[in-house]
């Protein structure tokens, strides 16, 4: 076997094994500074979003943690009929931000960012900034209020305005955890000079 052929096979094997790395989660999801040290592109993307839309980095991080655990190609689980027949996914949510198809298309249209992809961190954080900015404008939710921003993000702005989350105790618990994580991330980022 020629050297060129062996090298080509080795390269193909390495590419097929290592291609998913950009979608995997950082190692320590409880430490904001460790996340940003491991993935500096996250910090760059989130700072751009903070400058453009005014959404603080810790709020973005806490929301992404809840939505996808920083997994770039995260999807909702499959639904099954009778426990065995696949019926498709629970929703069209995809990527870091778990944006739904329709909301993502609205974002692309309003921002003119037609090439945006939900599995790219810079596009996902820009989407979140756009959405949370709109929630502040339409609903008066502070961009520092991770709990309420998350409820509007999860339920949609109409659902939030109607208080649909009040009938979902599990969601109120989740939104409280998002708020707590945003506060923890903010303290950690301040301690490592990124606050």
N, C-alpha and C. Protein backbone atom coordinates (compact mmCIF):
# COMPACT_ATOMS: atom_id res chain seq x y z
N UNK A 1 0.85 -1.18 0.00
CA UNK A 1 0.00 0.00 0.00
C UNK A 1 0.90 1.24 0.00
N UNK A 2 0.61 2.18 -0.84
CA UNK A 2 1.46 3.36 -0.95
C UNK A 2 1.29 4.27 0.27
N UNK A 3 2.27 5.11 0.49
CA UNK A 3 2.22 6.07 1.61
C UNK A 3 1.05 7.02 1.44
N UNK A 4 0.82 7.47 0.25
CA UNK A 4 -0.27 8.40 -0.02
C UNK A 4 -1.61 7.77 0.32
N UNK A 5 -1.81 6.54 -0.07
CA UNK A 5 -3.05 5.84 0.22
C UNK A 5 -3.23 5.65 1.72
N UNK A 6 -2.16 5.24 2.41
CA UNK A 6 -2.23 5.06 3.87
C UNK A 6 -2.53 6.39 4.56
N UNK A 7 -1.88 7.44 4.12
CA UNK A 7 -2.12 8.76 4.72
C UNK A 7 -3.55 9.21 4.48
N UNK A 8 -4.07 8.95 3.30
CA UNK A 8 -5.45 9.33 2.98
C UNK A 8 -6.45 8.57 3.85
N UNK A 9 -6.22 7.28 4.04
CA UNK A 9 -7.11 6.47 4.87
C UNK A 9 -7.06 6.96 6.32
N UNK A 10 -5.85 7.23 6.81
CA UNK A 10 -5.70 7.72 8.18
C UNK A 10 -6.42 9.06 8.35
N UNK A 11 -6.27 9.93 7.39
CA UNK A 11 -6.92 11.23 7.45
C UNK A 11 -8.44 11.08 7.46
N UNK A 12 -8.97 10.21 6.64
CA UNK A 12 -10.42 9.96 6.62
C UNK A 12 -10.91 9.41 7.95
N UNK A 13 -10.17 8.48 8.52
CA UNK A 13 -10.55 7.92 9.82
C UNK A 13 -10.55 8.99 10.90
N UNK A 14 -9.52 9.80 10.94
CA UNK A 14 -9.46 10.87 11.93
C UNK A 14 -10.59 11.87 11.75
N UNK A 15 -10.88 12.21 10.53
CA UNK A 15 -11.96 13.16 10.26
C UNK A 15 -13.31 12.61 10.68
N UNK A 16 -13.54 11.33 10.45
CA UNK A 16 -14.83 10.75 10.81
C UNK A 16 -14.97 10.61 12.32
N UNK A 17 -13.88 10.42 13.03
CA UNK A 17 -13.95 10.28 14.49
C UNK A 17 -14.02 11.63 15.18
N UNK A 18 -13.34 12.61 14.66
CA UNK A 18 -13.22 13.88 15.37
C UNK A 18 -14.15 14.97 14.91
N UNK A 19 -14.99 14.72 13.95
CA UNK A 19 -15.81 15.78 13.39
C UNK A 19 -16.87 16.34 14.31
N UNK A 20 -17.28 15.58 15.32
CA UNK A 20 -18.35 16.04 16.19
C UNK A 20 -17.89 16.90 17.34
N UNK A 21 -16.60 17.14 17.46
CA UNK A 21 -16.08 17.89 18.58
C UNK A 21 -16.66 19.28 18.75
N UNK A 22 -16.99 19.92 17.66
CA UNK A 22 -17.49 21.29 17.79
C UNK A 22 -18.89 21.32 18.36
N UNK A 23 -19.56 20.19 18.42
CA UNK A 23 -20.90 20.15 18.98
C UNK A 23 -20.94 19.66 20.42
N UNK A 24 -19.87 19.09 20.91
CA UNK A 24 -19.86 18.53 22.26
C UNK A 24 -19.87 19.63 23.31
N UNK A 25 -20.32 19.25 24.50
CA UNK A 25 -20.39 20.21 25.61
C UNK A 25 -19.01 20.42 26.22
N UNK A 26 -18.75 21.61 26.75
CA UNK A 26 -17.52 21.81 27.53
C UNK A 26 -17.51 20.86 28.73
N UNK A 27 -16.32 20.64 29.28
CA UNK A 27 -16.18 19.66 30.37
C UNK A 27 -16.86 20.07 31.67
N UNK A 28 -16.72 21.32 32.10
CA UNK A 28 -17.23 21.74 33.41
C UNK A 28 -18.31 22.80 33.23
N UNK A 29 -19.55 22.37 33.18
CA UNK A 29 -20.66 23.29 32.93
C UNK A 29 -21.03 24.13 34.15
N UNK A 30 -20.47 23.82 35.31
CA UNK A 30 -20.79 24.58 36.52
C UNK A 30 -19.85 25.75 36.74
N UNK A 31 -18.83 25.90 35.92
CA UNK A 31 -17.84 26.96 36.09
C UNK A 31 -17.77 27.80 34.81
N UNK A 32 -18.34 28.99 34.87
CA UNK A 32 -18.38 29.87 33.69
C UNK A 32 -16.99 30.17 33.16
N UNK A 33 -16.03 30.37 34.05
CA UNK A 33 -14.68 30.70 33.60
C UNK A 33 -14.03 29.51 32.89
N UNK A 34 -14.29 28.31 33.41
CA UNK A 34 -13.74 27.10 32.77
C UNK A 34 -14.35 26.91 31.39
N UNK A 35 -15.65 27.18 31.27
CA UNK A 35 -16.31 27.06 29.96
C UNK A 35 -15.64 27.99 28.96
N UNK A 36 -15.43 29.23 29.36
CA UNK A 36 -14.88 30.22 28.43
C UNK A 36 -13.39 30.02 28.16
N UNK A 37 -12.68 29.43 29.12
CA UNK A 37 -11.27 29.08 28.85
C UNK A 37 -11.20 27.95 27.83
N UNK A 38 -12.11 26.98 27.97
CA UNK A 38 -12.10 25.85 27.05
C UNK A 38 -12.62 26.24 25.67
N UNK A 39 -13.59 27.15 25.63
CA UNK A 39 -14.20 27.57 24.37
C UNK A 39 -14.18 29.10 24.26
N UNK A 40 -13.04 29.69 23.98
CA UNK A 40 -12.95 31.16 23.92
C UNK A 40 -13.89 31.77 22.88
N UNK A 41 -14.25 30.99 21.86
CA UNK A 41 -15.18 31.52 20.85
C UNK A 41 -16.56 31.80 21.44
N UNK A 42 -16.91 31.10 22.51
CA UNK A 42 -18.19 31.36 23.19
C UNK A 42 -18.19 32.78 23.76
N UNK A 43 -17.10 33.13 24.44
CA UNK A 43 -17.03 34.46 25.05
C UNK A 43 -17.09 35.55 23.99
N UNK A 44 -16.36 35.36 22.91
CA UNK A 44 -16.38 36.36 21.83
C UNK A 44 -17.80 36.54 21.29
N UNK A 45 -18.49 35.43 21.06
CA UNK A 45 -19.86 35.49 20.53
C UNK A 45 -20.79 36.18 21.52
N UNK A 46 -20.68 35.82 22.79
CA UNK A 46 -21.58 36.38 23.81
C UNK A 46 -21.31 37.86 24.06
N UNK A 47 -20.05 38.26 24.00
CA UNK A 47 -19.73 39.69 24.15
C UNK A 47 -20.29 40.50 22.98
N UNK A 48 -20.22 39.95 21.77
CA UNK A 48 -20.81 40.64 20.61
C UNK A 48 -22.32 40.79 20.81
N UNK A 49 -22.95 39.72 21.29
CA UNK A 49 -24.40 39.78 21.54
C UNK A 49 -24.71 40.79 22.63
N UNK A 50 -23.90 40.82 23.67
CA UNK A 50 -24.12 41.77 24.76
C UNK A 50 -24.01 43.21 24.24
N UNK A 51 -23.01 43.47 23.39
CA UNK A 51 -22.84 44.81 22.82
C UNK A 51 -24.01 45.17 21.89
N UNK A 52 -24.44 44.22 21.08
CA UNK A 52 -25.49 44.50 20.09
C UNK A 52 -26.88 44.61 20.72
N UNK A 53 -27.20 43.66 21.61
CA UNK A 53 -28.57 43.57 22.12
C UNK A 53 -28.71 43.93 23.59
N UNK A 54 -27.59 44.03 24.31
CA UNK A 54 -27.65 44.40 25.72
C UNK A 54 -27.96 43.26 26.68
N UNK A 55 -27.93 42.03 26.20
CA UNK A 55 -28.21 40.88 27.07
C UNK A 55 -26.90 40.45 27.72
N UNK A 56 -26.83 40.46 29.06
CA UNK A 56 -25.58 40.13 29.74
C UNK A 56 -25.11 38.70 29.46
N UNK A 57 -23.80 38.53 29.42
CA UNK A 57 -23.21 37.22 29.16
C UNK A 57 -23.74 36.16 30.13
N UNK A 58 -23.83 36.42 31.46
CA UNK A 58 -24.32 35.37 32.36
C UNK A 58 -25.75 34.92 32.06
N UNK A 59 -26.59 35.83 31.60
CA UNK A 59 -27.97 35.46 31.24
C UNK A 59 -27.96 34.57 30.00
N UNK A 60 -27.13 34.92 29.03
CA UNK A 60 -27.00 34.07 27.84
C UNK A 60 -26.50 32.68 28.22
N UNK A 61 -25.47 32.64 29.05
CA UNK A 61 -24.87 31.36 29.42
C UNK A 61 -25.86 30.48 30.18
N UNK A 62 -26.60 31.07 31.12
CA UNK A 62 -27.56 30.30 31.92
C UNK A 62 -28.68 29.76 31.04
N UNK A 63 -29.10 30.55 30.06
CA UNK A 63 -30.16 30.10 29.16
C UNK A 63 -29.66 28.97 28.26
N UNK A 64 -28.47 29.12 27.71
CA UNK A 64 -27.91 28.06 26.88
C UNK A 64 -27.70 26.79 27.70
N UNK A 65 -27.23 26.95 28.93
CA UNK A 65 -27.05 25.78 29.79
C UNK A 65 -28.37 25.03 29.93
N UNK A 66 -29.44 25.76 30.20
CA UNK A 66 -30.74 25.11 30.39
C UNK A 66 -31.27 24.49 29.10
N UNK A 67 -31.10 25.20 28.01
CA UNK A 67 -31.68 24.75 26.75
C UNK A 67 -30.93 23.58 26.12
N UNK A 68 -29.61 23.64 26.10
CA UNK A 68 -28.86 22.63 25.34
C UNK A 68 -27.63 22.07 26.05
N UNK A 69 -27.34 22.56 27.24
CA UNK A 69 -26.11 22.17 27.95
C UNK A 69 -24.88 22.42 27.07
N UNK A 70 -24.97 23.48 26.24
CA UNK A 70 -23.87 23.88 25.36
C UNK A 70 -23.55 22.83 24.29
N UNK A 71 -24.53 22.03 23.91
CA UNK A 71 -24.35 21.06 22.83
C UNK A 71 -24.90 21.70 21.56
N UNK A 72 -24.02 21.94 20.61
CA UNK A 72 -24.36 22.72 19.43
C UNK A 72 -25.44 22.13 18.54
N UNK A 73 -25.55 20.82 18.50
CA UNK A 73 -26.56 20.20 17.63
C UNK A 73 -27.65 19.50 18.44
N UNK A 74 -27.92 20.03 19.63
CA UNK A 74 -28.95 19.42 20.49
C UNK A 74 -30.32 19.45 19.82
N UNK A 75 -31.06 18.39 20.02
CA UNK A 75 -32.43 18.26 19.51
C UNK A 75 -33.32 17.74 20.63
N UNK A 76 -34.61 17.96 20.48
CA UNK A 76 -35.54 17.40 21.45
C UNK A 76 -35.65 15.90 21.22
N UNK A 77 -36.07 15.16 22.23
CA UNK A 77 -36.19 13.70 22.08
C UNK A 77 -37.27 13.31 21.07
N UNK A 78 -37.19 12.09 20.61
CA UNK A 78 -38.21 11.54 19.72
C UNK A 78 -39.47 11.22 20.51
N UNK A 79 -40.61 11.28 19.83
CA UNK A 79 -41.88 10.81 20.39
C UNK A 79 -42.13 9.41 19.83
N UNK A 80 -42.78 8.59 20.64
CA UNK A 80 -43.09 7.22 20.20
C UNK A 80 -44.55 6.91 20.49
N UNK A 81 -45.22 6.30 19.52
CA UNK A 81 -46.58 5.80 19.72
C UNK A 81 -46.46 4.37 20.25
N UNK A 82 -47.26 4.05 21.21
CA UNK A 82 -47.25 2.72 21.83
C UNK A 82 -45.87 2.37 22.39
N UNK A 83 -45.07 3.38 22.61
CA UNK A 83 -43.76 3.17 23.19
C UNK A 83 -42.70 2.67 22.23
N UNK A 84 -43.06 2.36 20.98
CA UNK A 84 -42.06 1.80 20.07
C UNK A 84 -42.07 2.38 18.66
N UNK A 85 -43.17 2.97 18.23
CA UNK A 85 -43.28 3.48 16.86
C UNK A 85 -42.82 4.94 16.84
N UNK A 86 -41.72 5.23 16.15
CA UNK A 86 -41.23 6.62 16.11
C UNK A 86 -42.23 7.56 15.43
N UNK A 87 -42.47 8.70 16.08
CA UNK A 87 -43.44 9.68 15.56
C UNK A 87 -42.80 11.05 15.31
N UNK A 88 -41.50 11.10 15.22
CA UNK A 88 -40.82 12.38 15.02
C UNK A 88 -40.39 12.98 16.35
N UNK A 89 -39.82 14.14 16.29
CA UNK A 89 -39.32 14.81 17.49
C UNK A 89 -40.44 15.58 18.19
N UNK A 90 -40.20 15.89 19.47
CA UNK A 90 -41.20 16.60 20.26
C UNK A 90 -41.45 18.01 19.73
N UNK A 91 -40.43 18.62 19.15
CA UNK A 91 -40.59 19.94 18.54
C UNK A 91 -39.47 20.15 17.53
N UNK A 92 -39.48 21.30 16.88
CA UNK A 92 -38.44 21.62 15.90
C UNK A 92 -37.24 22.32 16.54
N UNK A 93 -37.21 22.41 17.88
CA UNK A 93 -36.11 23.07 18.58
C UNK A 93 -34.79 22.41 18.21
N UNK A 94 -33.77 23.25 17.96
CA UNK A 94 -32.47 22.73 17.54
C UNK A 94 -31.37 23.68 17.94
N UNK A 95 -30.21 23.13 18.21
CA UNK A 95 -29.00 23.92 18.41
C UNK A 95 -28.80 24.42 19.82
N UNK A 96 -27.79 25.27 19.97
CA UNK A 96 -27.45 25.83 21.28
C UNK A 96 -28.64 26.50 21.93
N UNK A 97 -29.38 27.26 21.15
CA UNK A 97 -30.49 28.06 21.70
C UNK A 97 -31.82 27.33 21.71
N UNK A 98 -31.88 26.15 21.10
CA UNK A 98 -33.12 25.38 20.98
C UNK A 98 -34.23 26.23 20.34
N UNK A 99 -33.86 27.02 19.37
CA UNK A 99 -34.83 27.86 18.66
C UNK A 99 -35.71 26.98 17.78
N UNK A 100 -37.00 27.30 17.77
CA UNK A 100 -37.95 26.60 16.91
C UNK A 100 -37.82 27.11 15.48
N UNK A 101 -38.18 26.28 14.52
CA UNK A 101 -38.07 26.66 13.10
C UNK A 101 -38.71 28.01 12.82
N UNK A 102 -39.95 28.19 13.24
CA UNK A 102 -40.67 29.42 12.92
C UNK A 102 -40.04 30.66 13.53
N UNK A 103 -39.61 30.57 14.78
CA UNK A 103 -38.98 31.71 15.45
C UNK A 103 -37.63 32.01 14.82
N UNK A 104 -36.90 30.96 14.45
CA UNK A 104 -35.61 31.15 13.79
C UNK A 104 -35.79 31.86 12.45
N UNK A 105 -36.79 31.46 11.70
CA UNK A 105 -37.06 32.10 10.40
C UNK A 105 -37.44 33.57 10.60
N UNK A 106 -38.20 33.85 11.63
CA UNK A 106 -38.56 35.25 11.94
C UNK A 106 -37.31 36.06 12.26
N UNK A 107 -36.41 35.47 13.05
CA UNK A 107 -35.13 36.12 13.38
C UNK A 107 -34.33 36.38 12.11
N UNK A 108 -34.21 35.38 11.24
CA UNK A 108 -33.44 35.55 10.01
C UNK A 108 -34.02 36.67 9.15
N UNK A 109 -35.34 36.72 9.07
CA UNK A 109 -35.99 37.74 8.25
C UNK A 109 -35.79 39.13 8.83
N UNK A 110 -36.02 39.28 10.14
CA UNK A 110 -35.92 40.60 10.78
C UNK A 110 -34.50 41.14 10.80
N UNK A 111 -33.52 40.25 10.98
CA UNK A 111 -32.13 40.70 11.08
C UNK A 111 -31.41 40.69 9.73
N UNK A 112 -32.01 40.06 8.72
CA UNK A 112 -31.37 39.94 7.43
C UNK A 112 -30.23 38.91 7.42
N UNK A 113 -30.15 38.12 8.47
CA UNK A 113 -29.08 37.14 8.60
C UNK A 113 -29.56 35.78 8.09
N UNK A 114 -29.77 35.68 6.79
CA UNK A 114 -30.32 34.47 6.17
C UNK A 114 -29.39 33.26 6.27
N UNK A 115 -28.11 33.50 6.45
CA UNK A 115 -27.15 32.38 6.53
C UNK A 115 -26.94 31.88 7.95
N UNK A 116 -27.63 32.48 8.91
CA UNK A 116 -27.47 32.08 10.31
C UNK A 116 -27.85 30.61 10.50
N UNK A 117 -27.10 29.96 11.39
CA UNK A 117 -27.35 28.54 11.70
C UNK A 117 -27.44 28.35 13.20
N UNK A 118 -28.38 27.54 13.62
CA UNK A 118 -28.60 27.32 15.04
C UNK A 118 -27.49 26.54 15.71
N UNK A 119 -26.65 25.86 14.94
CA UNK A 119 -25.56 25.09 15.53
C UNK A 119 -24.24 25.86 15.54
N UNK A 120 -24.29 27.17 15.26
CA UNK A 120 -23.12 28.04 15.38
C UNK A 120 -23.34 28.96 16.57
N UNK A 121 -22.39 28.98 17.47
CA UNK A 121 -22.56 29.72 18.72
C UNK A 121 -22.80 31.20 18.49
N UNK A 122 -22.12 31.80 17.53
CA UNK A 122 -22.32 33.24 17.31
C UNK A 122 -23.73 33.54 16.80
N UNK A 123 -24.27 32.70 15.95
CA UNK A 123 -25.64 32.90 15.47
C UNK A 123 -26.65 32.60 16.58
N UNK A 124 -26.39 31.56 17.36
CA UNK A 124 -27.31 31.18 18.44
C UNK A 124 -27.40 32.26 19.51
N UNK A 125 -26.26 32.83 19.89
CA UNK A 125 -26.31 33.89 20.91
C UNK A 125 -26.93 35.16 20.35
N UNK A 126 -26.68 35.46 19.07
CA UNK A 126 -27.31 36.63 18.46
C UNK A 126 -28.83 36.45 18.44
N UNK A 127 -29.27 35.26 18.13
CA UNK A 127 -30.70 34.96 18.17
C UNK A 127 -31.27 35.21 19.57
N UNK A 128 -30.58 34.70 20.58
CA UNK A 128 -31.07 34.89 21.95
C UNK A 128 -31.11 36.37 22.31
N UNK A 129 -30.08 37.10 21.91
CA UNK A 129 -30.08 38.54 22.17
C UNK A 129 -31.24 39.24 21.49
N UNK A 130 -31.47 38.89 20.24
CA UNK A 130 -32.60 39.46 19.49
C UNK A 130 -33.92 39.14 20.19
N UNK A 131 -34.09 37.90 20.61
CA UNK A 131 -35.35 37.50 21.23
C UNK A 131 -35.55 38.20 22.58
N UNK A 132 -34.50 38.23 23.39
CA UNK A 132 -34.62 38.84 24.72
C UNK A 132 -34.76 40.35 24.63
N UNK A 133 -34.13 40.96 23.64
CA UNK A 133 -34.32 42.40 23.41
C UNK A 133 -35.78 42.67 23.07
N UNK A 134 -36.35 41.82 22.21
CA UNK A 134 -37.77 41.96 21.87
C UNK A 134 -38.67 41.78 23.07
N UNK A 135 -38.30 40.87 23.98
CA UNK A 135 -39.10 40.65 25.18
C UNK A 135 -39.04 41.87 26.10
N UNK A 136 -37.88 42.52 26.14
CA UNK A 136 -37.79 43.75 26.92
C UNK A 136 -38.66 44.84 26.30
N UNK A 137 -38.57 44.98 24.98
CA UNK A 137 -39.32 46.01 24.28
C UNK A 137 -40.83 45.80 24.40
N UNK A 138 -41.29 44.57 24.22
CA UNK A 138 -42.74 44.29 24.18
C UNK A 138 -43.35 44.00 25.53
N UNK A 139 -42.55 43.42 26.44
CA UNK A 139 -43.11 42.98 27.72
C UNK A 139 -42.52 43.71 28.93
N UNK A 140 -41.49 44.51 28.69
CA UNK A 140 -40.87 45.25 29.78
C UNK A 140 -39.99 44.40 30.69
N UNK A 141 -39.51 43.26 30.20
CA UNK A 141 -38.68 42.37 31.03
C UNK A 141 -37.23 42.83 30.96
N UNK A 142 -36.65 43.12 32.10
CA UNK A 142 -35.25 43.51 32.16
C UNK A 142 -34.38 42.40 31.56
N UNK A 143 -33.33 42.81 30.87
CA UNK A 143 -32.41 41.83 30.29
C UNK A 143 -31.56 41.14 31.36
N UNK A 144 -31.54 41.68 32.57
CA UNK A 144 -30.84 41.04 33.68
C UNK A 144 -31.74 40.04 34.40
N UNK A 145 -33.03 40.06 34.13
CA UNK A 145 -33.99 39.18 34.80
C UNK A 145 -34.04 37.84 34.07
N UNK A 146 -33.06 36.98 34.40
CA UNK A 146 -32.93 35.70 33.70
C UNK A 146 -34.19 34.85 33.88
N UNK A 147 -34.81 34.90 35.04
CA UNK A 147 -36.00 34.09 35.31
C UNK A 147 -37.13 34.45 34.34
N UNK A 148 -37.49 35.72 34.30
CA UNK A 148 -38.61 36.15 33.44
C UNK A 148 -38.26 36.06 31.96
N UNK A 149 -37.00 36.38 31.63
CA UNK A 149 -36.58 36.24 30.23
C UNK A 149 -36.70 34.78 29.80
N UNK A 150 -36.31 33.86 30.69
CA UNK A 150 -36.41 32.45 30.34
C UNK A 150 -37.87 32.03 30.17
N UNK A 151 -38.73 32.49 31.04
CA UNK A 151 -40.16 32.14 30.92
C UNK A 151 -40.72 32.63 29.58
N UNK A 152 -40.36 33.85 29.19
CA UNK A 152 -40.83 34.38 27.90
C UNK A 152 -40.21 33.62 26.74
N UNK A 153 -38.97 33.21 26.91
CA UNK A 153 -38.25 32.45 25.89
C UNK A 153 -38.91 31.08 25.70
N UNK A 154 -39.25 30.44 26.81
CA UNK A 154 -39.82 29.10 26.77
C UNK A 154 -41.28 29.10 26.31
N UNK A 155 -42.07 30.02 26.85
CA UNK A 155 -43.51 30.04 26.60
C UNK A 155 -43.90 30.87 25.38
N UNK A 156 -42.95 31.65 24.87
CA UNK A 156 -43.28 32.62 23.83
C UNK A 156 -43.82 33.88 24.52
N UNK A 157 -43.74 34.99 23.83
CA UNK A 157 -44.14 36.26 24.45
C UNK A 157 -45.63 36.30 24.77
N UNK A 158 -46.45 35.74 23.89
CA UNK A 158 -47.89 35.72 24.15
C UNK A 158 -48.20 34.85 25.36
N UNK A 159 -47.57 33.68 25.44
CA UNK A 159 -47.76 32.81 26.60
C UNK A 159 -47.33 33.48 27.88
N UNK A 160 -46.20 34.18 27.83
CA UNK A 160 -45.72 34.89 29.01
C UNK A 160 -46.73 35.97 29.42
N UNK A 161 -47.18 36.75 28.44
CA UNK A 161 -48.14 37.82 28.74
C UNK A 161 -49.43 37.28 29.34
N UNK A 162 -49.82 36.09 28.92
CA UNK A 162 -51.04 35.46 29.44
C UNK A 162 -50.79 34.70 30.75
N UNK A 163 -49.54 34.60 31.17
CA UNK A 163 -49.22 33.90 32.41
C UNK A 163 -49.33 32.38 32.32
N UNK A 164 -49.15 31.82 31.14
CA UNK A 164 -49.31 30.38 30.95
C UNK A 164 -48.38 29.57 31.85
N UNK A 165 -47.23 30.14 32.20
CA UNK A 165 -46.25 29.45 33.05
C UNK A 165 -46.77 29.20 34.46
N UNK A 166 -47.76 29.98 34.91
CA UNK A 166 -48.28 29.83 36.27
C UNK A 166 -48.92 28.47 36.50
N UNK A 167 -49.35 27.81 35.44
CA UNK A 167 -49.96 26.48 35.57
C UNK A 167 -48.91 25.37 35.46
N UNK A 168 -47.65 25.74 35.39
CA UNK A 168 -46.57 24.76 35.19
C UNK A 168 -45.54 24.91 36.31
N UNK A 169 -45.78 24.25 37.41
CA UNK A 169 -44.87 24.38 38.56
C UNK A 169 -43.46 23.94 38.19
N UNK A 170 -43.34 22.91 37.35
CA UNK A 170 -42.01 22.44 36.93
C UNK A 170 -41.25 23.54 36.19
N UNK A 171 -41.96 24.34 35.37
CA UNK A 171 -41.31 25.41 34.61
C UNK A 171 -40.90 26.55 35.53
N UNK A 172 -41.70 26.83 36.55
CA UNK A 172 -41.32 27.85 37.52
C UNK A 172 -40.05 27.43 38.25
N UNK A 173 -39.94 26.14 38.56
CA UNK A 173 -38.71 25.63 39.19
C UNK A 173 -37.51 25.78 38.24
N UNK A 174 -37.71 25.44 36.98
CA UNK A 174 -36.64 25.55 35.99
C UNK A 174 -36.20 27.01 35.85
N UNK A 175 -37.15 27.93 35.76
CA UNK A 175 -36.80 29.34 35.58
C UNK A 175 -36.06 29.88 36.81
N UNK A 176 -36.40 29.39 37.99
CA UNK A 176 -35.67 29.79 39.20
C UNK A 176 -34.23 29.28 39.14
N UNK A 177 -34.04 28.08 38.61
CA UNK A 177 -32.68 27.54 38.46
C UNK A 177 -31.89 28.35 37.43
N UNK A 178 -32.54 28.79 36.37
CA UNK A 178 -31.86 29.62 35.37
C UNK A 178 -31.40 30.93 36.02
N UNK A 179 -32.26 31.53 36.81
CA UNK A 179 -31.90 32.78 37.51
C UNK A 179 -30.71 32.54 38.44
N UNK A 180 -30.76 31.46 39.21
CA UNK A 180 -29.68 31.14 40.15
C UNK A 180 -28.37 30.89 39.40
N UNK A 181 -28.45 30.18 38.30
CA UNK A 181 -27.24 29.89 37.52
C UNK A 181 -26.68 31.19 36.92
N UNK A 182 -27.54 32.07 36.44
CA UNK A 182 -27.07 33.35 35.90
C UNK A 182 -26.33 34.15 36.97
N UNK A 183 -26.85 34.14 38.19
CA UNK A 183 -26.19 34.85 39.28
C UNK A 183 -24.85 34.21 39.62
N UNK A 184 -24.81 32.87 39.64
CA UNK A 184 -23.56 32.15 39.91
C UNK A 184 -22.53 32.44 38.81
N UNK A 185 -22.97 32.34 37.56
CA UNK A 185 -22.07 32.63 36.44
C UNK A 185 -21.55 34.07 36.52
N UNK A 186 -22.42 35.02 36.88
CA UNK A 186 -22.00 36.43 36.97
C UNK A 186 -20.89 36.59 38.01
N UNK A 187 -21.06 35.95 39.17
CA UNK A 187 -20.04 36.02 40.22
C UNK A 187 -18.74 35.38 39.77
N UNK A 188 -18.84 34.24 39.11
CA UNK A 188 -17.64 33.55 38.62
C UNK A 188 -16.92 34.38 37.58
N UNK A 189 -17.66 34.96 36.65
CA UNK A 189 -17.05 35.77 35.59
C UNK A 189 -16.38 37.01 36.17
N UNK A 190 -16.99 37.58 37.19
CA UNK A 190 -16.39 38.74 37.86
C UNK A 190 -15.07 38.33 38.52
N UNK A 191 -15.05 37.16 39.15
CA UNK A 191 -13.86 36.69 39.85
C UNK A 191 -12.70 36.39 38.88
N UNK A 192 -13.01 35.97 37.65
CA UNK A 192 -11.91 35.69 36.71
C UNK A 192 -11.69 36.82 35.71
N UNK A 193 -12.25 37.99 36.02
CA UNK A 193 -11.98 39.18 35.22
C UNK A 193 -12.73 39.29 33.92
N UNK A 194 -13.84 38.56 33.81
CA UNK A 194 -14.64 38.63 32.58
C UNK A 194 -16.04 39.16 32.85
N UNK A 195 -16.23 39.74 34.01
CA UNK A 195 -17.57 40.18 34.42
C UNK A 195 -17.97 41.52 33.96
